[in-house]
Amino acid sequence: MSAFFDAPIAVGKHTVCPFAKPTSEGEYAACVSIRGGQGRSSVDHVLRFVPLFGDAQAACRYAIEQAMLYLNAPAASSSTCA
């Protein structure tokens, strides 16, 4: 089982990278990496969410929505997992 990654999204000084991890039950867990800073002062927050989804695209959309809420930013345009 491999994860499905979406294209990174620049949000101000942060980079949001949503991904979907398949579960053993055939569903997908929504996850997101939120990176900020540069070099030795960079920080990467990785969040995994409780709801499970029937497809990877739905999980990625949810991860993007939650990242925007976390960063208090307007919603990003829709994208699809690759």
PDB file of N, CA and C in Angstrom:
ATOM      1  N   MET A   1       0.837  -1.184   0.000  1.00  0.00           N
ATOM      2  CA  MET A   1       0.000   0.000   0.000  1.00  0.00           C
ATOM      3  C   MET A   1       0.882   1.247   0.000  1.00  0.00           C
ATOM      4  N   SER A   2       0.697   2.096  -0.996  1.00  0.00           N
ATOM      5  CA  SER A   2       1.462   3.326  -1.026  1.00  0.00           C
ATOM      6  C   SER A   2       0.512   4.515  -0.929  1.00  0.00           C
ATOM      7  N   ALA A   3       1.043   5.641  -0.470  1.00  0.00           N
ATOM      8  CA  ALA A   3       0.245   6.845  -0.307  1.00  0.00           C
ATOM      9  C   ALA A   3       0.087   7.555  -1.652  1.00  0.00           C
ATOM     10  N   PHE A   4      -0.982   8.313  -1.784  1.00  0.00           N
ATOM     11  CA  PHE A   4      -1.251   9.123  -2.964  1.00  0.00           C
ATOM     12  C   PHE A   4      -0.998  10.580  -2.590  1.00  0.00           C
ATOM     13  N   PHE A   5      -0.082  11.226  -3.284  1.00  0.00           N
ATOM     14  CA  PHE A   5       0.299  12.589  -2.969  1.00  0.00           C
ATOM     15  C   PHE A   5      -0.301  13.566  -3.965  1.00  0.00           C
ATOM     16  N   ASP A   6      -0.721  14.714  -3.463  1.00  0.00           N
ATOM     17  CA  ASP A   6      -1.229  15.786  -4.303  1.00  0.00           C
ATOM     18  C   ASP A   6      -0.110  16.801  -4.493  1.00  0.00           C
ATOM     19  N   ALA A   7      -0.266  17.704  -5.431  1.00  0.00           N
ATOM     20  CA  ALA A   7       0.743  18.738  -5.681  1.00  0.00           C
ATOM     21  C   ALA A   7       0.822  19.686  -4.482  1.00  0.00           C
ATOM     22  N   PRO A   8       2.021  20.107  -4.107  1.00  0.00           N
ATOM     23  CA  PRO A   8       2.169  21.069  -3.007  1.00  0.00           C
ATOM     24  C   PRO A   8       1.498  22.403  -3.349  1.00  0.00           C
ATOM     25  N   ILE A   9       0.995  23.072  -2.325  1.00  0.00           N
ATOM     26  CA  ILE A   9       0.323  24.356  -2.487  1.00  0.00           C
ATOM     27  C   ILE A   9       1.057  25.374  -1.624  1.00  0.00           C
ATOM     28  N   ALA A  10       1.477  26.483  -2.217  1.00  0.00           N
ATOM     29  CA  ALA A  10       2.114  27.557  -1.458  1.00  0.00           C
ATOM     30  C   ALA A  10       1.025  28.407  -0.812  1.00  0.00           C
ATOM     31  N   VAL A  11       1.121  28.588   0.502  1.00  0.00           N
ATOM     32  CA  VAL A  11       0.166  29.401   1.256  1.00  0.00           C
ATOM     33  C   VAL A  11       0.992  30.363   2.109  1.00  0.00           C
ATOM     34  N   GLY A  12       1.196  31.569   1.606  1.00  0.00           N
ATOM     35  CA  GLY A  12       2.040  32.517   2.321  1.00  0.00           C
ATOM     36  C   GLY A  12       3.444  31.958   2.461  1.00  0.00           C
ATOM     37  N   LYS A  13       3.927  31.877   3.693  1.00  0.00           N
ATOM     38  CA  LYS A  13       5.268  31.363   3.964  1.00  0.00           C
ATOM     39  C   LYS A  13       5.286  29.853   4.173  1.00  0.00           C
ATOM     40  N   HIS A  14       4.145  29.196   3.960  1.00  0.00           N
ATOM     41  CA  HIS A  14       4.030  27.756   4.199  1.00  0.00           C
ATOM     42  C   HIS A  14       3.846  26.989   2.895  1.00  0.00           C
ATOM     43  N   THR A  15       4.181  25.709   2.943  1.00  0.00           N
ATOM     44  CA  THR A  15       3.905  24.787   1.836  1.00  0.00           C
ATOM     45  C   THR A  15       3.015  23.680   2.383  1.00  0.00           C
ATOM     46  N   VAL A  16       1.864  23.514   1.750  1.00  0.00           N
ATOM     47  CA  VAL A  16       0.887  22.505   2.157  1.00  0.00           C
ATOM     48  C   VAL A  16       0.959  21.353   1.156  1.00  0.00           C
ATOM     49  N   CYS A  17       1.178  20.136   1.657  1.00  0.00           N
ATOM     50  CA  CYS A  17       1.255  18.962   0.793  1.00  0.00           C
ATOM     51  C   CYS A  17       0.289  17.892   1.312  1.00  0.00           C
ATOM     52  N   PRO A  18      -0.902  17.809   0.712  1.00  0.00           N
ATOM     53  CA  PRO A  18      -1.874  16.800   1.148  1.00  0.00           C
ATOM     54  C   PRO A  18      -1.549  15.424   0.574  1.00  0.00           C
ATOM     55  N   PHE A  19      -1.901  14.397   1.319  1.00  0.00           N
ATOM     56  CA  PHE A  19      -1.749  13.039   0.804  1.00  0.00           C
ATOM     57  C   PHE A  19      -2.783  12.131   1.447  1.00  0.00           C
ATOM     58  N   ALA A  20      -3.017  11.009   0.806  1.00  0.00           N
ATOM     59  CA  ALA A  20      -4.003  10.031   1.275  1.00  0.00           C
ATOM     60  C   ALA A  20      -3.300   8.696   1.470  1.00  0.00           C
ATOM     61  N   LYS A  21      -3.497   8.105   2.647  1.00  0.00           N
ATOM     62  CA  LYS A  21      -2.883   6.803   2.943  1.00  0.00           C
ATOM     63  C   LYS A  21      -3.967   5.737   2.915  1.00  0.00           C
ATOM     64  N   PRO A  22      -3.783   4.695   2.107  1.00  0.00           N
ATOM     65  CA  PRO A  22      -4.770   3.614   2.092  1.00  0.00           C
ATOM     66  C   PRO A  22      -4.749   2.833   3.407  1.00  0.00           C
ATOM     67  N   THR A  23      -5.920   2.425   3.845  1.00  0.00           N
ATOM     68  CA  THR A  23      -6.028   1.613   5.058  1.00  0.00           C
ATOM     69  C   THR A  23      -6.222   0.154   4.655  1.00  0.00           C
ATOM     70  N   SER A  24      -6.106  -0.740   5.605  1.00  0.00           N
ATOM     71  CA  SER A  24      -6.283  -2.167   5.316  1.00  0.00           C
ATOM     72  C   SER A  24      -7.729  -2.502   4.946  1.00  0.00           C
ATOM     73  N   GLU A  25      -8.671  -1.604   5.273  1.00  0.00           N
ATOM     74  CA  GLU A  25     -10.085  -1.827   4.953  1.00  0.00           C
ATOM     75  C   GLU A  25     -10.462  -1.314   3.570  1.00  0.00           C
ATOM     76  N   GLY A  26      -9.477  -0.760   2.823  1.00  0.00           N
ATOM     77  CA  GLY A  26      -9.765  -0.267   1.477  1.00  0.00           C
ATOM     78  C   GLY A  26     -10.205   1.186   1.423  1.00  0.00           C
ATOM     79  N   GLU A  27     -10.168   1.873   2.547  1.00  0.00           N
ATOM     80  CA  GLU A  27     -10.518   3.284   2.568  1.00  0.00           C
ATOM     81  C   GLU A  27      -9.236   4.104   2.595  1.00  0.00           C
ATOM     82  N   TYR A  28      -9.374   5.432   2.651  1.00  0.00           N
ATOM     83  CA  TYR A  28      -8.211   6.314   2.652  1.00  0.00           C
ATOM     84  C   TYR A  28      -8.264   7.264   3.834  1.00  0.00           C
ATOM     85  N   ALA A  29      -7.121   7.412   4.502  1.00  0.00           N
ATOM     86  CA  ALA A  29      -6.980   8.374   5.601  1.00  0.00           C
ATOM     87  C   ALA A  29      -6.386   9.653   5.023  1.00  0.00           C
ATOM     88  N   ALA A  30      -6.970  10.784   5.389  1.00  0.00           N
ATOM     89  CA  ALA A  30      -6.482  12.084   4.926  1.00  0.00           C
ATOM     90  C   ALA A  30      -5.318  12.530   5.808  1.00  0.00           C
ATOM     91  N   CYS A  31      -4.256  13.004   5.178  1.00  0.00           N
ATOM     92  CA  CYS A  31      -3.072  13.490   5.881  1.00  0.00           C
ATOM     93  C   CYS A  31      -2.588  14.749   5.177  1.00  0.00           C
ATOM     94  N   VAL A  32      -1.833  15.562   5.905  1.00  0.00           N
ATOM     95  CA  VAL A  32      -1.268  16.757   5.282  1.00  0.00           C
ATOM     96  C   VAL A  32       0.037  17.120   5.978  1.00  0.00           C
ATOM     97  N   SER A  33       0.985  17.594   5.189  1.00  0.00           N
ATOM     98  CA  SER A  33       2.244  18.136   5.703  1.00  0.00           C
ATOM     99  C   SER A  33       2.179  19.650   5.516  1.00  0.00           C
ATOM    100  N   ILE A  34       2.451  20.391   6.584  1.00  0.00           N
ATOM    101  CA  ILE A  34       2.478  21.851   6.520  1.00  0.00           C
ATOM    102  C   ILE A  34       3.880  22.291   6.906  1.00  0.00           C
ATOM    103  N   ARG A  35       4.628  22.785   5.904  1.00  0.00           N
ATOM    104  CA  ARG A  35       6.017  23.177   6.122  1.00  0.00           C
ATOM    105  C   ARG A  35       6.155  24.689   6.131  1.00  0.00           C
ATOM    106  N   GLY A  36       7.034  25.166   6.982  1.00  0.00           N
ATOM    107  CA  GLY A  36       7.313  26.599   7.037  1.00  0.00           C
ATOM    108  C   GLY A  36       8.755  26.841   7.444  1.00  0.00           C
ATOM    109  N   GLY A  37       9.276  28.009   7.124  1.00  0.00           N
ATOM    110  CA  GLY A  37      10.649  28.346   7.482  1.00  0.00           C
ATOM    111  C   GLY A  37      11.631  27.858   6.445  1.00  0.00           C
ATOM    112  N   GLN A  38      12.907  28.115   6.728  1.00  0.00           N
ATOM    113  CA  GLN A  38      13.959  27.710   5.807  1.00  0.00           C
ATOM    114  C   GLN A  38      15.147  27.166   6.574  1.00  0.00           C
ATOM    115  N   GLY A  39      15.850  26.254   5.934  1.00  0.00           N
ATOM    116  CA  GLY A  39      17.084  25.728   6.511  1.00  0.00           C
ATOM    117  C   GLY A  39      16.892  25.106   7.881  1.00  0.00           C
ATOM    118  N   ARG A  40      17.787  25.468   8.810  1.00  0.00           N
ATOM    119  CA  ARG A  40      17.749  24.876  10.151  1.00  0.00           C
ATOM    120  C   ARG A  40      16.562  25.346  10.984  1.00  0.00           C
ATOM    121  N   SER A  41      15.920  26.421  10.559  1.00  0.00           N
ATOM    122  CA  SER A  41      14.766  26.908  11.318  1.00  0.00           C
ATOM    123  C   SER A  41      13.437  26.486  10.688  1.00  0.00           C
ATOM    124  N   SER A  42      13.471  25.475   9.825  1.00  0.00           N
ATOM    125  CA  SER A  42      12.229  25.014   9.204  1.00  0.00           C
ATOM    126  C   SER A  42      11.477  24.075  10.150  1.00  0.00           C
ATOM    127  N   VAL A  43      10.168  24.055   9.967  1.00  0.00           N
ATOM    128  CA  VAL A  43       9.278  23.217  10.776  1.00  0.00           C
ATOM    129  C   VAL A  43       8.329  22.492   9.833  1.00  0.00           C
ATOM    130  N   ASP A  44       8.063  21.232  10.101  1.00  0.00           N
ATOM    131  CA  ASP A  44       7.128  20.451   9.301  1.00  0.00           C
ATOM    132  C   ASP A  44       6.117  19.806  10.242  1.00  0.00           C
ATOM    133  N   HIS A  45       4.862  20.233  10.121  1.00  0.00           N
ATOM    134  CA  HIS A  45       3.781  19.637  10.911  1.00  0.00           C
ATOM    135  C   HIS A  45       3.083  18.622  10.011  1.00  0.00           C
ATOM    136  N   VAL A  46       2.954  17.389  10.476  1.00  0.00           N
ATOM    137  CA  VAL A  46       2.238  16.369   9.719  1.00  0.00           C
ATOM    138  C   VAL A  46       1.001  15.993  10.527  1.00  0.00           C
ATOM    139  N   LEU A  47      -0.166  16.154   9.898  1.00  0.00           N
ATOM    140  CA  LEU A  47      -1.436  15.893  10.569  1.00  0.00           C
ATOM    141  C   LEU A  47      -2.151  14.739   9.871  1.00  0.00           C
ATOM    142  N   ARG A  48      -2.726  13.847  10.662  1.00  0.00           N
ATOM    143  CA  ARG A  48      -3.547  12.753  10.127  1.00  0.00           C
ATOM    144  C   ARG A  48      -4.925  12.904  10.746  1.00  0.00           C
ATOM    145  N   PHE A  49      -5.947  12.788   9.918  1.00  0.00           N
ATOM    146  CA  PHE A  49      -7.312  13.060  10.364  1.00  0.00           C
ATOM    147  C   PHE A  49      -8.108  11.772  10.570  1.00  0.00           C
ATOM    148  N   VAL A  50      -9.106  11.854  11.430  1.00  0.00           N
ATOM    149  CA  VAL A  50      -9.896  10.685  11.833  1.00  0.00           C
ATOM    150  C   VAL A  50     -10.842  10.190  10.739  1.00  0.00           C
ATOM    151  N   PRO A  51     -11.570  11.049  10.039  1.00  0.00           N
ATOM    152  CA  PRO A  51     -12.513  10.496   9.050  1.00  0.00           C
ATOM    153  C   PRO A  51     -11.781   9.696   7.971  1.00  0.00           C
ATOM    154  N   LEU A  52     -12.417   8.630   7.514  1.00  0.00           N
ATOM    155  CA  LEU A  52     -11.888   7.840   6.405  1.00  0.00           C
ATOM    156  C   LEU A  52     -12.738   8.121   5.171  1.00  0.00           C
ATOM    157  N   PHE A  53     -12.125   7.959   3.980  1.00  0.00           N
ATOM    158  CA  PHE A  53     -12.796   8.321   2.739  1.00  0.00           C
ATOM    159  C   PHE A  53     -12.756   7.167   1.759  1.00  0.00           C
ATOM    160  N   GLY A  54     -13.737   7.136   0.853  1.00  0.00           N
ATOM    161  CA  GLY A  54     -13.838   6.066  -0.134  1.00  0.00           C
ATOM    162  C   GLY A  54     -12.837   6.178  -1.259  1.00  0.00           C
ATOM    163  N   ASP A  55     -12.306   7.386  -1.500  1.00  0.00           N
ATOM    164  CA  ASP A  55     -11.294   7.528  -2.543  1.00  0.00           C
ATOM    165  C   ASP A  55     -10.231   8.534  -2.122  1.00  0.00           C
ATOM    166  N   ALA A  56      -9.086   8.445  -2.769  1.00  0.00           N
ATOM    167  CA  ALA A  56      -7.937   9.271  -2.418  1.00  0.00           C
ATOM    168  C   ALA A  56      -8.190  10.755  -2.674  1.00  0.00           C
ATOM    169  N   GLN A  57      -8.921  11.081  -3.724  1.00  0.00           N
ATOM    170  CA  GLN A  57      -9.190  12.485  -4.047  1.00  0.00           C
ATOM    171  C   GLN A  57      -9.996  13.160  -2.953  1.00  0.00           C
ATOM    172  N   ALA A  58     -11.000  12.488  -2.431  1.00  0.00           N
ATOM    173  CA  ALA A  58     -11.814  13.053  -1.355  1.00  0.00           C
ATOM    174  C   ALA A  58     -10.964  13.266  -0.101  1.00  0.00           C
ATOM    175  N   ALA A  59     -10.077  12.317   0.182  1.00  0.00           N
ATOM    176  CA  ALA A  59      -9.197  12.450   1.344  1.00  0.00           C
ATOM    177  C   ALA A  59      -8.262  13.644   1.174  1.00  0.00           C
ATOM    178  N   CYS A  60      -7.723  13.839  -0.025  1.00  0.00           N
ATOM    179  CA  CYS A  60      -6.835  14.986  -0.281  1.00  0.00           C
ATOM    180  C   CYS A  60      -7.584  16.311  -0.174  1.00  0.00           C
ATOM    181  N   ARG A  61      -8.802  16.359  -0.697  1.00  0.00           N
ATOM    182  CA  ARG A  61      -9.600  17.594  -0.579  1.00  0.00           C
ATOM    183  C   ARG A  61      -9.834  17.942   0.886  1.00  0.00           C
ATOM    184  N   TYR A  62     -10.173  16.948   1.685  1.00  0.00           N
ATOM    185  CA  TYR A  62     -10.397  17.172   3.112  1.00  0.00           C
ATOM    186  C   TYR A  62      -9.115  17.667   3.787  1.00  0.00           C
ATOM    187  N   ALA A  63      -7.985  17.063   3.436  1.00  0.00           N
ATOM    188  CA  ALA A  63      -6.704  17.466   4.021  1.00  0.00           C
ATOM    189  C   ALA A  63      -6.388  18.923   3.682  1.00  0.00           C
ATOM    190  N   ILE A  64      -6.667  19.338   2.441  1.00  0.00           N
ATOM    191  CA  ILE A  64      -6.436  20.730   2.034  1.00  0.00           C
ATOM    192  C   ILE A  64      -7.334  21.665   2.833  1.00  0.00           C
ATOM    193  N   GLU A  65      -8.609  21.320   2.964  1.00  0.00           N
ATOM    194  CA  GLU A  65      -9.549  22.151   3.733  1.00  0.00           C
ATOM    195  C   GLU A  65      -9.071  22.324   5.174  1.00  0.00           C
ATOM    196  N   GLN A  66      -8.643  21.234   5.783  1.00  0.00           N
ATOM    197  CA  GLN A  66      -8.192  21.301   7.171  1.00  0.00           C
ATOM    198  C   GLN A  66      -6.899  22.098   7.312  1.00  0.00           C
ATOM    199  N   ALA A  67      -6.003  21.980   6.346  1.00  0.00           N
ATOM    200  CA  ALA A  67      -4.759  22.754   6.381  1.00  0.00           C
ATOM    201  C   ALA A  67      -5.057  24.242   6.282  1.00  0.00           C
ATOM    202  N   MET A  68      -6.010  24.616   5.434  1.00  0.00           N
ATOM    203  CA  MET A  68      -6.376  26.031   5.297  1.00  0.00           C
ATOM    204  C   MET A  68      -6.984  26.561   6.598  1.00  0.00           C
ATOM    205  N   LEU A  69      -7.779  25.735   7.255  1.00  0.00           N
ATOM    206  CA  LEU A  69      -8.320  26.132   8.552  1.00  0.00           C
ATOM    207  C   LEU A  69      -7.203  26.291   9.575  1.00  0.00           C
ATOM    208  N   TYR A  70      -6.255  25.368   9.567  1.00  0.00           N
ATOM    209  CA  TYR A  70      -5.118  25.399  10.485  1.00  0.00           C
ATOM    210  C   TYR A  70      -4.308  26.680  10.286  1.00  0.00           C
ATOM    211  N   LEU A  71      -4.122  27.056   9.025  1.00  0.00           N
ATOM    212  CA  LEU A  71      -3.348  28.250   8.703  1.00  0.00           C
ATOM    213  C   LEU A  71      -4.202  29.516   8.670  1.00  0.00           C
ATOM    214  N   ASN A  72      -5.506  29.353   8.873  1.00  0.00           N
ATOM    215  CA  ASN A  72      -6.440  30.477   8.845  1.00  0.00           C
ATOM    216  C   ASN A  72      -6.364  31.195   7.500  1.00  0.00           C
ATOM    217  N   ALA A  73      -6.356  30.406   6.422  1.00  0.00           N
ATOM    218  CA  ALA A  73      -6.242  30.936   5.068  1.00  0.00           C
ATOM    219  C   ALA A  73      -7.507  30.607   4.283  1.00  0.00           C
ATOM    220  N   PRO A  74      -7.801  31.385   3.219  1.00  0.00           N
ATOM    221  CA  PRO A  74      -8.940  31.047   2.373  1.00  0.00           C
ATOM    222  C   PRO A  74      -8.730  29.696   1.706  1.00  0.00           C
ATOM    223  N   ALA A  75      -9.814  29.026   1.362  1.00  0.00           N
ATOM    224  CA  ALA A  75      -9.730  27.695   0.745  1.00  0.00           C
ATOM    225  C   ALA A  75      -8.990  27.769  -0.577  1.00  0.00           C
ATOM    226  N   ALA A  76      -8.176  26.763  -0.849  1.00  0.00           N
ATOM    227  CA  ALA A  76      -7.428  26.686  -2.107  1.00  0.00           C
ATOM    228  C   ALA A  76      -8.342  26.143  -3.206  1.00  0.00           C
ATOM    229  N   SER A  77      -7.953  26.386  -4.442  1.00  0.00           N
ATOM    230  CA  SER A  77      -8.711  25.819  -5.549  1.00  0.00           C
ATOM    231  C   SER A  77      -8.570  24.301  -5.502  1.00  0.00           C
ATOM    232  N   SER A  78      -9.560  23.626  -6.042  1.00  0.00           N
ATOM    233  CA  SER A  78      -9.545  22.163  -5.964  1.00  0.00           C
ATOM    234  C   SER A  78      -8.424  21.591  -6.820  1.00  0.00           C
ATOM    235  N   SER A  79      -7.898  20.489  -6.385  1.00  0.00           N
ATOM    236  CA  SER A  79      -6.865  19.773  -7.128  1.00  0.00           C
ATOM    237  C   SER A  79      -7.115  18.289  -6.928  1.00  0.00           C
ATOM    238  N   THR A  80      -6.386  17.482  -7.638  1.00  0.00           N
ATOM    239  CA  THR A  80      -6.606  16.048  -7.553  1.00  0.00           C
ATOM    240  C   THR A  80      -5.335  15.330  -7.168  1.00  0.00           C
ATOM    241  N   CYS A  81      -5.495  14.221  -6.497  1.00  0.00           N
ATOM    242  CA  CYS A  81      -4.332  13.401  -6.130  1.00  0.00           C
ATOM    243  C   CYS A  81      -3.793  12.749  -7.397  1.00  0.00           C
ATOM    244  N   ALA A  82      -2.505  12.581  -7.403  1.00  0.00           N
ATOM    245  CA  ALA A  82      -1.868  11.931  -8.550  1.00  0.00           C
ATOM    246  C   ALA A  82      -1.400  10.547  -8.160  1.00  0.00           C
TER     247      ALA A  82
END
